[in-house]
């Protein structure tokens, strides 16, 4: 299981949510509405996984998107989906490398 408390100790990660693929909340850390994020994340990952399958992209591994000030990284890890809010947005690549390397 991913430890959200230690993950949000990274200064660039402002909040994090763990959910299942259906959008059921498992855990949340930081100033965030975990239930709302889990529900939207469940829908989003399902829709994008289906789209990726139809396009022949293979299994969905991650989603990242950013605005001017903040970014979000969504990683599928086994039966859980991790969603993080990253600030500043320019730190997204660093956070993704750290989390993928097991730095959570």
Protein backbone atom coordinates (compact mmCIF):
# COMPACT_ATOMS: atom_id res chain seq x y z
CA UNK A 1 0.00 0.00 0.00
CA UNK A 2 1.22 3.48 -0.82
CA UNK A 3 1.86 5.64 2.25
CA UNK A 4 0.25 8.99 1.44
CA UNK A 5 1.59 10.70 4.55
CA UNK A 6 5.20 10.09 3.50
CA UNK A 7 4.40 10.88 -0.13
CA UNK A 8 2.98 14.29 0.77
CA UNK A 9 6.19 15.05 2.67
CA UNK A 10 7.70 15.77 -0.73
CA UNK A 11 7.40 19.57 -0.88
CA UNK A 12 6.05 19.56 -4.44
CA UNK A 13 3.13 17.24 -3.62
CA UNK A 14 0.39 19.29 -2.01
CA UNK A 15 -2.18 16.49 -1.72
CA UNK A 16 -2.72 12.89 -2.73
CA UNK A 17 -5.66 10.50 -3.06
CA UNK A 18 -5.76 6.72 -3.34
CA UNK A 19 -8.80 5.09 -4.86
CA UNK A 20 -9.78 1.91 -6.62
CA UNK A 21 -10.52 1.72 -10.33
CA UNK A 22 -14.24 2.23 -9.68
CA UNK A 23 -13.59 5.51 -7.83
CA UNK A 24 -13.95 4.21 -4.28
CA UNK A 25 -11.89 6.25 -1.83
CA UNK A 26 -9.17 4.36 0.02
CA UNK A 27 -7.16 7.21 1.55
CA UNK A 28 -6.50 10.92 1.18
CA UNK A 29 -3.87 13.30 2.49
CA UNK A 30 -3.59 17.05 2.26
CA UNK A 31 -6.21 19.72 1.76
CA UNK A 32 -8.44 17.96 -0.78
CA UNK A 33 -11.95 16.51 -1.10
CA UNK A 34 -10.84 12.89 -1.37
CA UNK A 35 -14.26 11.45 -2.19
CA UNK A 36 -14.82 13.86 -5.08
CA UNK A 37 -11.33 13.34 -6.48
CA UNK A 38 -11.67 9.54 -6.18
CA UNK A 39 -14.99 9.54 -8.04
CA UNK A 40 -13.70 11.72 -10.89
CA UNK A 41 -10.43 9.77 -11.06
CA UNK A 42 -12.28 6.45 -11.29
CA UNK A 43 -14.34 7.73 -14.20
CA UNK A 44 -11.38 9.38 -15.93
CA UNK A 45 -9.07 6.38 -15.73
CA UNK A 46 -11.81 4.05 -16.95
CA UNK A 47 -12.61 6.24 -19.94
CA UNK A 48 -8.96 6.78 -20.87
CA UNK A 49 -8.09 3.10 -20.41
CA UNK A 50 -10.93 2.17 -22.78
CA UNK A 51 -9.79 4.78 -25.29
CA UNK A 52 -6.21 3.54 -25.07
CA UNK A 53 -7.33 -0.04 -25.66
CA UNK A 54 -9.28 1.00 -28.76
CA UNK A 55 -6.24 2.87 -30.06
CA UNK A 56 -3.94 -0.06 -29.36
CA UNK A 57 -1.86 1.80 -26.76
CA UNK A 58 -1.85 -1.06 -24.27
CA UNK A 59 -2.43 -0.86 -20.53
CA UNK A 60 -2.89 2.60 -19.04
CA UNK A 61 -0.01 3.44 -16.70
CA UNK A 62 -0.26 7.14 -15.99
CA UNK A 63 -1.99 10.41 -16.80
CA UNK A 64 -0.50 13.83 -16.27
CA UNK A 65 -1.98 17.22 -16.91
CA UNK A 66 -1.05 20.71 -15.89
CA UNK A 67 -2.20 24.26 -15.65
CA UNK A 68 -0.09 27.35 -15.20
CA UNK A 69 0.46 26.92 -11.46
CA UNK A 70 -0.41 23.31 -10.61
CA UNK A 71 -0.30 19.88 -12.18
CA UNK A 72 -1.75 16.49 -11.45
CA UNK A 73 -0.19 13.08 -11.78
CA UNK A 74 -2.38 9.97 -11.84
CA UNK A 75 -0.64 6.61 -11.58
CA UNK A 76 -2.23 3.19 -11.77
CA UNK A 77 -0.41 0.84 -9.40
CA UNK A 78 -1.94 -2.60 -9.29
CA UNK A 79 -5.47 -2.35 -7.95
CA UNK A 80 -5.12 1.25 -6.75
CA UNK A 81 -5.00 4.60 -8.48
CA UNK A 82 -2.83 7.35 -7.02
CA UNK A 83 -3.72 10.97 -7.78
CA UNK A 84 -1.41 13.79 -6.72
CA UNK A 85 -1.61 17.56 -6.90
CA UNK A 86 1.83 18.95 -7.75
CA UNK A 87 2.91 22.54 -7.23
CA UNK A 88 4.59 24.19 -9.03
CA UNK A 89 3.54 22.60 -12.31
CA UNK A 90 7.16 22.58 -13.48
CA UNK A 91 7.92 19.95 -10.81
CA UNK A 92 5.65 17.35 -12.46
CA UNK A 93 8.47 15.47 -14.20
CA UNK A 94 10.54 15.30 -11.01
CA UNK A 95 7.60 14.03 -8.97
CA UNK A 96 6.75 11.41 -11.58
CA UNK A 97 10.32 10.09 -11.58
CA UNK A 98 10.42 10.02 -7.78
CA UNK A 99 7.12 8.18 -7.42
CA UNK A 100 7.94 5.70 -10.18
CA UNK A 101 11.28 5.00 -8.56
CA UNK A 102 9.51 4.02 -5.36
CA UNK A 103 10.20 7.26 -3.56
CA UNK A 104 6.78 7.25 -1.95
